[in-house]
Amino acid sequence: MNDLKKKQLMSLQKIFDNRLTIPAIASPMFLASGPRLVIECCKSGMVGTFPALNPRTTEALDQWLSEITHELNRHEEESGCKAAPYGVNLIVHKSNARLKEDLAVCIKHKVPLIITSLGAVGDVVDSIHAYGGVVFHDVTTIKHAKKAASVGVDGLIAVAAGAGGHAGTLSPFSFVNEIKHFFDKTVVLAGCISTGRDIAAARMLGADLAYMGTRMLATQECQVHQSYKDLIVDVSAADIVYTPAISGVNANFIKQSIDKSGIDIEGGTHAKAIDFGAELDEASDDSVQGAKPWKDIWSAGQGVGSVKDIPTAKALITRLADEYQQARASV
C-alpha cells in the first residue's frame, strides 16, 4: 500500500468504514436538498446531507431527521447492508436565529456528521463531539481553514474555485496541498466535481473525499423545480457568474437566471448584509414580489458542462462508482 493511501485511510473517520460505494459527499444545498435525496444517496453508498434551514422550522427539522433515520434503519434491516452516514449543515452565523435550537435537535438525534459553515466555534464542535458526532467545516481560504483546525474540527472541506454556491477562488491544487501542511485529519475537496473520474482526481490530489453539489441538483430526487434541473443540463461553464450581488457573499449563479430576474449586476452594487434566516423566509413567502435568491436566481458550479441528464440518485451513484473504478484502474 502506498504512503498516500495509508495516510488517507488513517485520516478518514470511522463512521465511513465499509459504508461507502464511492468516497464522496452529496453537499448540503440550500432549498434543494431534502429527505428523499439524502435517503437515496445513503442507501446507495454516498454520504447524503442537507442544510438545517431547509425545513422551515426546528420542529420540521426534527421530523426530517426522524424520517431519515427510520428509512435508513429499515434499509439496513431489509438489505443487510450498512447505509452511508448522513449529515446536517449548520450555519454558525449571527444571522441564523435557529442555531441553538437546531443544534439541540441534532444532538437529540445524534446526527453522525455535522457540517458547519460561516463560523468555526469551539463550543459547537465540543457539543457534537460529546455524543460521538463528527464535525467537518467548509472553508474558502487558508485563513479560515487554520481557524477551524484550531477549534478541533475533524475535517476541512476545501471549497475551491468554480464550486456552486459560496465558492472560493483558490485552485484545488494549491488549496489541498496547503491544508495538508498543517492539518492531518480528513480533507474534502469541492469544486467542479461531476464524474467518477473527477472523484478519482480529487483522491490523487490528496483529498480523502469529494464534495458534489451541482451534479446532485440534476437528480430526480432533488427538490428544486424541473426548470432548474433542465437549465443545469443545458448550460456550460461559460454561463456561470461569480458575484456578491445576489446574496451579499461571493457565489456562483447561472447567468440566464440572473438575466431573467432583471438584476443588473454590472450596473452597480446590489450586495446586502448576509442573512440566511431572511433569505429562507423570503424564499418561502409567496407574497414577496420579485426574484428571490436561490429559489428564482439559481446557483450552480462550473462543473455544469459535464451534466447531461437527470437520473435517479441511485443510477447516478452506480455510474459514478463505475467511472471511479475505471479511472483508478487506468492509473
Protein backbone atom coordinates (compact mmCIF):
# COMPACT_ATOMS: atom_id res chain seq x y z
CA MET A 1 0.00 0.00 0.00
CA ASN A 2 1.49 3.36 -1.00
CA ASP A 3 2.07 6.17 1.50
CA LEU A 4 -0.72 8.38 0.10
CA LYS A 5 -3.35 5.67 0.52
CA LYS A 6 -2.11 4.84 4.04
CA LYS A 7 -2.43 8.49 5.09
CA GLN A 8 -5.91 8.74 3.55
CA LEU A 9 -7.13 5.65 5.39
CA MET A 10 -5.72 6.98 8.65
CA SER A 11 -7.38 10.39 8.23
CA LEU A 12 -10.88 9.12 7.32
CA GLN A 13 -13.31 8.95 10.24
CA LYS A 14 -14.57 5.56 11.44
CA ILE A 15 -18.19 6.47 10.58
CA PHE A 16 -17.29 5.88 6.92
CA ASP A 17 -15.77 2.40 7.39
CA ASN A 18 -17.28 -0.13 4.95
CA ARG A 19 -20.22 2.18 4.27
CA LEU A 20 -19.24 3.99 1.07
CA THR A 21 -19.65 2.89 -2.53
CA ILE A 22 -17.75 5.99 -3.58
CA PRO A 23 -15.62 8.35 -1.46
CA ALA A 24 -17.99 11.29 -1.88
CA ILE A 25 -20.48 13.53 -0.10
CA ALA A 26 -23.61 14.98 -1.69
CA SER A 27 -23.23 18.53 -0.44
CA PRO A 28 -25.99 20.31 1.50
CA MET A 29 -27.72 22.62 -0.99
CA PHE A 30 -29.87 25.50 0.27
CA LEU A 31 -33.55 24.85 -0.59
CA ALA A 32 -32.54 21.91 -2.82
CA SER A 33 -31.51 19.02 -0.55
CA GLY A 34 -34.32 17.14 1.17
CA PRO A 35 -35.02 13.79 2.83
CA ARG A 36 -35.64 11.89 -0.44
CA LEU A 37 -32.25 12.82 -1.86
CA VAL A 38 -30.43 12.20 1.42
CA ILE A 39 -32.04 8.78 1.89
CA GLU A 40 -31.38 7.61 -1.67
CA CYS A 41 -27.76 8.78 -1.54
CA CYS A 42 -27.09 7.00 1.75
CA LYS A 43 -28.82 3.79 0.62
CA SER A 44 -26.59 3.81 -2.47
CA GLY A 45 -23.35 4.35 -0.55
CA MET A 46 -22.80 8.10 -0.84
CA VAL A 47 -22.99 10.46 2.13
CA GLY A 48 -26.24 12.45 1.92
CA THR A 49 -26.59 15.84 3.61
CA PHE A 50 -28.95 18.80 3.86
CA PRO A 51 -28.94 22.28 5.46
CA ALA A 52 -30.75 22.50 8.80
CA LEU A 53 -32.53 25.58 7.45
CA ASN A 54 -34.18 23.72 4.57
CA PRO A 55 -37.02 22.53 6.83
CA ARG A 56 -38.88 25.76 7.61
CA THR A 57 -38.89 25.23 11.39
CA THR A 58 -36.89 23.42 14.05
CA GLU A 59 -39.91 21.15 14.57
CA ALA A 60 -39.80 20.25 10.88
CA LEU A 61 -36.06 19.54 11.21
CA ASP A 62 -36.90 17.07 13.99
CA GLN A 63 -39.39 15.36 11.66
CA TRP A 64 -36.91 15.19 8.77
CA LEU A 65 -34.29 13.56 10.99
CA SER A 66 -36.79 11.03 12.28
CA GLU A 67 -37.81 10.16 8.71
CA ILE A 68 -34.22 9.80 7.51
CA THR A 69 -33.21 7.66 10.49
CA HIS A 70 -36.27 5.42 10.14
CA GLU A 71 -35.79 4.86 6.40
CA LEU A 72 -32.08 4.12 6.69
CA ASN A 73 -32.62 1.72 9.59
CA ARG A 74 -35.31 -0.07 7.59
CA HIS A 75 -32.98 -0.28 4.57
CA GLU A 76 -30.23 -1.85 6.68
CA GLU A 77 -32.63 -4.38 8.21
CA GLU A 78 -34.10 -5.40 4.85
CA SER A 79 -30.88 -5.44 2.81
CA GLY A 80 -28.37 -6.50 5.43
CA CYS A 81 -26.09 -3.73 4.14
CA LYS A 82 -24.90 -0.68 6.02
CA ALA A 83 -26.06 2.67 4.63
CA ALA A 84 -23.66 5.58 4.29
CA PRO A 85 -23.89 8.08 7.17
CA TYR A 86 -25.95 11.23 6.70
CA GLY A 87 -25.13 14.77 7.68
CA VAL A 88 -26.67 18.13 8.54
CA ASN A 89 -25.24 21.54 7.68
CA LEU A 90 -25.44 24.15 10.45
CA ILE A 91 -24.90 27.82 9.60
CA VAL A 92 -22.86 29.16 12.52
CA HIS A 93 -23.51 32.83 11.80
CA LYS A 94 -25.16 35.60 13.80
CA SER A 95 -27.96 35.86 11.25
CA ASN A 96 -29.06 32.28 11.98
CA ALA A 97 -31.52 32.70 14.83
CA ARG A 98 -32.26 28.96 14.85
CA LEU A 99 -28.72 27.73 15.52
CA LYS A 100 -29.13 26.89 19.21
CA GLU A 101 -32.45 25.08 18.74
CA ASP A 102 -31.35 23.25 15.59
CA LEU A 103 -28.13 22.12 17.25
CA ALA A 104 -30.15 20.72 20.17
CA VAL A 105 -32.27 18.67 17.74
CA CYS A 106 -29.14 17.35 16.00
CA ILE A 107 -27.74 16.33 19.38
CA LYS A 108 -31.04 14.61 20.22
CA HIS A 109 -30.83 12.52 17.05
CA LYS A 110 -27.06 12.03 17.34
CA VAL A 111 -26.54 13.09 13.73
CA PRO A 112 -23.38 11.28 12.55
CA LEU A 113 -21.91 14.17 10.55
CA ILE A 114 -22.35 17.89 11.15
CA ILE A 115 -21.04 20.31 8.53
CA THR A 116 -20.54 23.81 9.94
CA SER A 117 -20.38 26.91 7.77
CA LEU A 118 -19.67 30.62 8.25
CA GLY A 119 -18.25 30.26 11.72
CA ALA A 120 -15.92 27.78 13.44
CA VAL A 121 -16.91 27.79 17.12
CA GLY A 122 -15.28 25.54 19.68
CA ASP A 123 -18.40 25.20 21.84
CA VAL A 124 -20.41 23.90 18.87
CA VAL A 125 -17.67 21.41 17.99
CA ASP A 126 -17.44 20.22 21.60
CA SER A 127 -21.21 19.71 21.79
CA ILE A 128 -21.14 17.45 18.74
CA HIS A 129 -18.08 15.53 19.90
CA ALA A 130 -19.81 14.91 23.25
CA TYR A 131 -22.26 12.45 21.68
CA GLY A 132 -19.71 10.96 19.27
CA GLY A 133 -20.55 13.05 16.21
CA VAL A 134 -18.04 14.17 13.58
CA VAL A 135 -17.63 17.80 12.53
CA PHE A 136 -16.49 18.98 9.12
CA HIS A 137 -16.17 22.70 8.36
CA ASP A 138 -16.30 24.24 4.90
CA VAL A 139 -13.71 26.89 4.08
CA THR A 140 -12.76 29.04 1.11
CA THR A 141 -9.44 30.40 2.41
CA ILE A 142 -6.38 29.10 4.24
CA LYS A 143 -7.00 31.65 7.00
CA HIS A 144 -10.42 30.18 7.71
CA ALA A 145 -9.04 26.64 7.41
CA LYS A 146 -6.47 27.32 10.13
CA LYS A 147 -9.10 28.86 12.39
CA ALA A 148 -11.36 25.83 12.00
CA ALA A 149 -8.45 23.47 12.64
CA SER A 150 -7.65 25.35 15.85
CA VAL A 151 -11.09 24.60 17.35
CA GLY A 152 -10.80 20.86 16.76
CA VAL A 153 -12.90 20.06 13.70
CA ASP A 154 -12.49 16.55 12.30
CA GLY A 155 -12.43 17.55 8.66
CA LEU A 156 -11.98 20.54 6.38
CA ILE A 157 -13.99 20.98 3.19
CA ALA A 158 -11.86 22.95 0.74
CA VAL A 159 -14.37 24.84 -1.40
CA ALA A 160 -12.19 25.65 -4.39
CA ALA A 161 -12.69 27.87 -7.43
CA GLY A 162 -15.65 27.05 -9.61
CA ALA A 163 -17.80 25.42 -6.93
CA GLY A 164 -21.51 26.13 -6.77
CA GLY A 165 -22.92 28.35 -4.04
CA HIS A 166 -20.48 30.27 -1.85
CA ALA A 167 -17.28 29.29 -3.63
CA GLY A 168 -13.68 30.30 -3.12
CA THR A 169 -11.11 31.39 -5.66
CA LEU A 170 -8.18 29.07 -4.92
CA SER A 171 -7.01 26.32 -7.24
CA PRO A 172 -7.71 22.86 -5.81
CA PHE A 173 -4.01 22.00 -6.27
CA SER A 174 -2.79 24.81 -4.03
CA PHE A 175 -5.71 24.57 -1.60
CA VAL A 176 -5.42 20.88 -0.75
CA ASN A 177 -1.63 20.97 -0.59
CA GLU A 178 -1.53 23.93 1.79
CA ILE A 179 -4.19 22.45 4.06
CA LYS A 180 -2.31 19.17 4.36
CA HIS A 181 0.79 21.02 5.62
CA PHE A 182 -0.97 21.87 8.89
CA PHE A 183 -3.99 19.51 9.05
CA ASP A 184 -3.67 15.73 9.30
CA LYS A 185 -7.36 14.83 9.59
CA THR A 186 -9.97 14.39 6.84
CA VAL A 187 -9.76 16.71 3.82
CA VAL A 188 -12.71 17.05 1.45
CA LEU A 189 -12.46 18.78 -1.94
CA ALA A 190 -15.31 20.75 -3.52
CA GLY A 191 -15.41 22.46 -6.89
CA CYS A 192 -16.41 21.20 -10.38
CA ILE A 193 -16.58 17.54 -9.36
CA SER A 194 -19.19 15.91 -11.59
CA THR A 195 -17.89 12.47 -12.62
CA GLY A 196 -16.28 9.41 -11.11
CA ARG A 197 -13.06 10.38 -12.82
CA ASP A 198 -13.24 13.74 -11.01
CA ILE A 199 -13.59 11.90 -7.70
CA ALA A 200 -10.51 9.83 -8.52
CA ALA A 201 -8.62 13.03 -9.38
CA ALA A 202 -9.58 14.54 -6.02
CA ARG A 203 -8.16 11.46 -4.32
CA MET A 204 -4.98 11.72 -6.37
CA LEU A 205 -4.58 15.31 -5.16
CA GLY A 206 -4.63 14.01 -1.59
CA ALA A 207 -8.26 14.66 -0.63
CA ASP A 208 -9.99 11.89 1.31
CA LEU A 209 -13.46 12.62 -0.05
CA ALA A 210 -15.05 14.58 -2.88
CA TYR A 211 -17.93 17.02 -2.36
CA MET A 212 -20.59 17.14 -5.08
CA GLY A 213 -23.38 19.71 -5.34
CA THR A 214 -24.17 20.80 -8.88
CA ARG A 215 -24.23 17.24 -10.23
CA MET A 216 -26.74 16.28 -7.50
CA LEU A 217 -29.07 19.15 -8.43
CA ALA A 218 -29.89 17.31 -11.66
CA THR A 219 -31.29 14.20 -10.00
CA GLN A 220 -34.90 13.11 -9.82
CA GLU A 221 -34.99 13.25 -6.01
CA CYS A 222 -33.65 16.80 -5.72
CA GLN A 223 -36.44 19.12 -4.55
CA VAL A 224 -35.87 22.01 -6.99
CA HIS A 225 -38.16 22.96 -9.87
CA GLN A 226 -37.86 20.91 -13.05
CA SER A 227 -36.91 24.07 -14.98
CA TYR A 228 -33.87 24.45 -12.74
CA LYS A 229 -32.78 20.88 -13.45
CA ASP A 230 -33.31 21.34 -17.18
CA LEU A 231 -31.20 24.51 -17.16
CA ILE A 232 -28.37 22.68 -15.35
CA VAL A 233 -28.30 20.20 -18.24
CA ASP A 234 -28.40 22.94 -20.90
CA VAL A 235 -25.74 25.41 -19.69
CA SER A 236 -21.94 25.29 -19.62
CA ALA A 237 -19.13 26.75 -17.50
CA ALA A 238 -19.26 29.97 -19.53
CA ASP A 239 -22.76 30.61 -18.16
CA ILE A 240 -21.65 30.69 -14.51
CA VAL A 241 -21.24 34.13 -12.89
CA TYR A 242 -19.29 34.71 -9.67
CA THR A 243 -20.78 37.69 -7.83
CA PRO A 244 -21.66 39.05 -4.35
CA ALA A 245 -24.60 40.98 -5.83
CA ILE A 246 -27.22 38.32 -5.18
CA SER A 247 -26.77 37.35 -1.53
CA GLY A 248 -24.04 39.60 -0.13
CA VAL A 249 -21.31 36.95 -0.36
CA ASN A 250 -19.45 35.90 -3.49
CA ALA A 251 -21.26 32.93 -5.01
CA ASN A 252 -21.70 31.28 -8.39
CA PHE A 253 -25.04 31.69 -10.16
CA ILE A 254 -26.38 30.79 -13.61
CA LYS A 255 -26.34 33.84 -15.87
CA GLN A 256 -29.66 33.02 -17.54
CA SER A 257 -31.49 33.05 -14.20
CA ILE A 258 -29.86 36.37 -13.25
CA ASP A 259 -30.90 37.90 -16.58
CA LYS A 260 -34.45 36.64 -16.12
CA SER A 261 -34.62 38.25 -12.68
CA GLY A 262 -33.90 41.69 -14.14
CA ILE A 263 -30.98 42.35 -11.79
CA ASP A 264 -28.18 44.31 -13.45
CA ILE A 265 -25.08 43.07 -11.66
CA GLU A 266 -22.89 45.13 -14.00
CA GLY A 267 -24.72 48.39 -13.32
CA GLY A 268 -23.98 48.84 -9.65
CA THR A 269 -23.51 47.23 -6.27
CA HIS A 270 -26.54 45.31 -5.08
CA ALA A 271 -24.81 43.43 -2.28
CA LYS A 272 -26.58 43.30 1.07
CA ALA A 273 -25.68 42.07 4.51
CA ILE A 274 -25.81 38.29 4.58
CA ASP A 275 -28.90 36.98 6.38
CA PHE A 276 -29.76 33.33 5.83
CA GLY A 277 -32.83 33.50 8.03
CA ALA A 278 -34.25 36.34 5.93
CA GLU A 279 -33.37 34.53 2.70
CA LEU A 280 -35.22 31.43 3.88
CA ASP A 281 -38.27 33.44 4.92
CA GLU A 282 -38.27 35.34 1.64
CA ALA A 283 -37.92 32.19 -0.45
CA SER A 284 -40.80 30.56 1.41
CA ASP A 285 -43.15 33.58 1.33
CA ASP A 286 -45.22 33.62 -1.85
CA SER A 287 -46.40 37.16 -1.07
CA VAL A 288 -42.89 38.56 -1.57
CA GLN A 289 -42.65 40.06 -5.03
CA GLY A 290 -39.70 39.77 -7.41
CA ALA A 291 -36.98 37.21 -7.98
CA LYS A 292 -35.68 35.56 -4.84
CA PRO A 293 -32.04 34.46 -4.35
CA TRP A 294 -31.57 30.68 -4.56
CA LYS A 295 -35.24 29.99 -5.32
CA ASP A 296 -35.54 32.03 -8.55
CA ILE A 297 -31.91 33.07 -9.11
CA TRP A 298 -30.28 29.69 -9.43
CA SER A 299 -26.83 28.68 -8.28
CA ALA A 300 -24.50 26.16 -9.92
CA GLY A 301 -20.80 25.50 -10.25
CA GLN A 302 -18.57 25.44 -13.32
CA GLY A 303 -18.94 21.67 -13.49
CA VAL A 304 -22.34 22.08 -15.19
CA GLY A 305 -20.78 21.33 -18.58
CA SER A 306 -20.39 17.68 -17.51
CA VAL A 307 -24.06 17.30 -16.53
CA LYS A 308 -26.07 15.87 -19.43
CA ASP A 309 -29.02 14.06 -17.83
CA ILE A 310 -31.34 13.87 -14.82
CA PRO A 311 -31.12 10.31 -13.43
CA THR A 312 -32.22 8.90 -10.10
CA ALA A 313 -29.67 9.29 -7.34
CA LYS A 314 -29.19 5.51 -7.29
CA ALA A 315 -28.47 5.33 -11.03
CA LEU A 316 -26.11 8.28 -10.83
CA ILE A 317 -24.13 6.84 -7.91
CA THR A 318 -23.84 3.48 -9.68
CA ARG A 319 -22.43 5.31 -12.72
CA LEU A 320 -20.06 7.39 -10.59
CA ALA A 321 -18.77 4.24 -8.88
CA ASP A 322 -18.10 2.59 -12.25
CA GLU A 323 -16.32 5.70 -13.57
CA TYR A 324 -14.30 5.95 -10.36
CA GLN A 325 -13.11 2.35 -10.54
CA GLN A 326 -12.26 2.69 -14.24
CA ALA A 327 -10.23 5.81 -13.54
CA ARG A 328 -8.34 4.10 -10.72
CA ALA A 329 -7.62 1.11 -12.96
CA SER A 330 -6.30 3.33 -15.75
CA VAL A 331 -3.85 4.99 -13.35
